[in-house]
Protein backbone atom coordinates (compact mmCIF):
# COMPACT_ATOMS: atom_id res chain seq x y z
CA MET A 1 -89.13 65.50 -123.11
CA SER A 2 -88.11 61.90 -123.71
CA ALA A 3 -85.89 59.94 -121.34
CA THR A 4 -82.95 60.10 -123.75
CA ASP A 5 -81.70 63.23 -125.44
CA LYS A 6 -81.02 62.58 -129.13
CA ARG A 7 -79.32 65.87 -130.03
CA LYS A 8 -76.50 65.58 -132.56
CA GLN A 9 -72.99 66.85 -131.93
CA SER A 10 -70.00 66.76 -134.23
CA LEU A 11 -66.76 65.65 -132.64
CA TYR A 12 -63.35 65.68 -134.28
CA PHE A 13 -60.71 63.12 -133.33
CA PRO A 14 -57.12 62.67 -134.46
CA GLU A 15 -56.91 59.99 -137.15
CA THR A 16 -55.16 57.42 -134.92
CA MET A 17 -57.72 57.86 -132.14
CA LEU A 18 -60.59 57.51 -134.59
CA GLN A 19 -59.05 54.29 -135.93
CA GLU A 20 -58.83 52.89 -132.39
CA ILE A 21 -62.47 53.80 -131.73
CA GLN A 22 -63.52 52.19 -135.02
CA LYS A 23 -61.58 49.00 -134.17
CA GLU A 24 -63.27 48.73 -130.78
CA ALA A 25 -66.67 49.45 -132.30
CA ALA A 26 -66.16 46.62 -134.79
CA ARG A 27 -64.82 44.27 -132.10
CA LEU A 28 -67.78 44.93 -129.81
CA ASP A 29 -70.31 45.22 -132.67
CA ARG A 30 -71.37 48.65 -131.37
CA SER A 31 -71.68 52.12 -132.88
CA LEU A 32 -68.96 54.75 -132.66
CA SER A 33 -71.36 56.84 -130.58
CA TRP A 34 -71.84 54.02 -128.06
CA ILE A 35 -68.06 53.55 -127.73
CA VAL A 36 -67.46 57.27 -127.11
CA GLN A 37 -70.33 57.47 -124.62
CA ARG A 38 -68.97 54.49 -122.66
CA CYS A 39 -65.46 55.99 -122.68
CA VAL A 40 -66.81 59.20 -121.20
CA LYS A 41 -68.87 57.35 -118.61
CA ILE A 42 -65.91 55.19 -117.56
CA GLY A 43 -63.38 58.03 -117.57
CA LEU A 44 -65.50 60.87 -116.18
CA ALA A 45 -64.26 60.40 -112.60
CA ASP A 46 -60.66 60.77 -113.82
CA ILE A 47 -61.59 63.78 -115.94
CA ARG A 48 -63.23 65.47 -112.94
CA ARG A 49 -59.96 65.13 -110.98
CA LEU A 50 -58.11 67.26 -113.55
CA PRO A 51 -57.53 70.84 -112.40
CA SER A 52 -59.65 73.46 -114.09
CA VAL A 53 -57.97 76.33 -115.89
CA ASN A 54 -58.94 78.54 -112.93
CA ASP A 55 -57.08 76.24 -110.49
CA ILE A 56 -53.73 76.59 -112.25
CA PRO A 57 -51.70 79.51 -110.89
CA ASP A 58 -50.76 82.15 -113.46
CA PRO A 59 -46.97 82.69 -113.28
CA THR A 60 -47.38 86.28 -114.47
CA ASP A 61 -49.41 87.06 -111.32
CA GLU A 62 -46.43 86.09 -109.13
CA ALA A 63 -44.19 88.49 -111.04
CA LYS A 64 -46.65 91.34 -110.34
CA ALA A 65 -46.77 90.72 -106.57
CA PRO A 66 -44.94 93.35 -104.47
């Protein structure tokens, strides 16, 4: 397998977010894909700090406790 994975994935963004990405892509003379990849790389540490759905207590469980 090659060093870079070239699989395609469709992503859907709200219109305003897509416009911001397009503006930055034009400003930096880069592709939309490059902009999104850099955003993920830069923000991944912050994303990993978010609690997973399994870490959030379910309030209905507390109501069931004796």
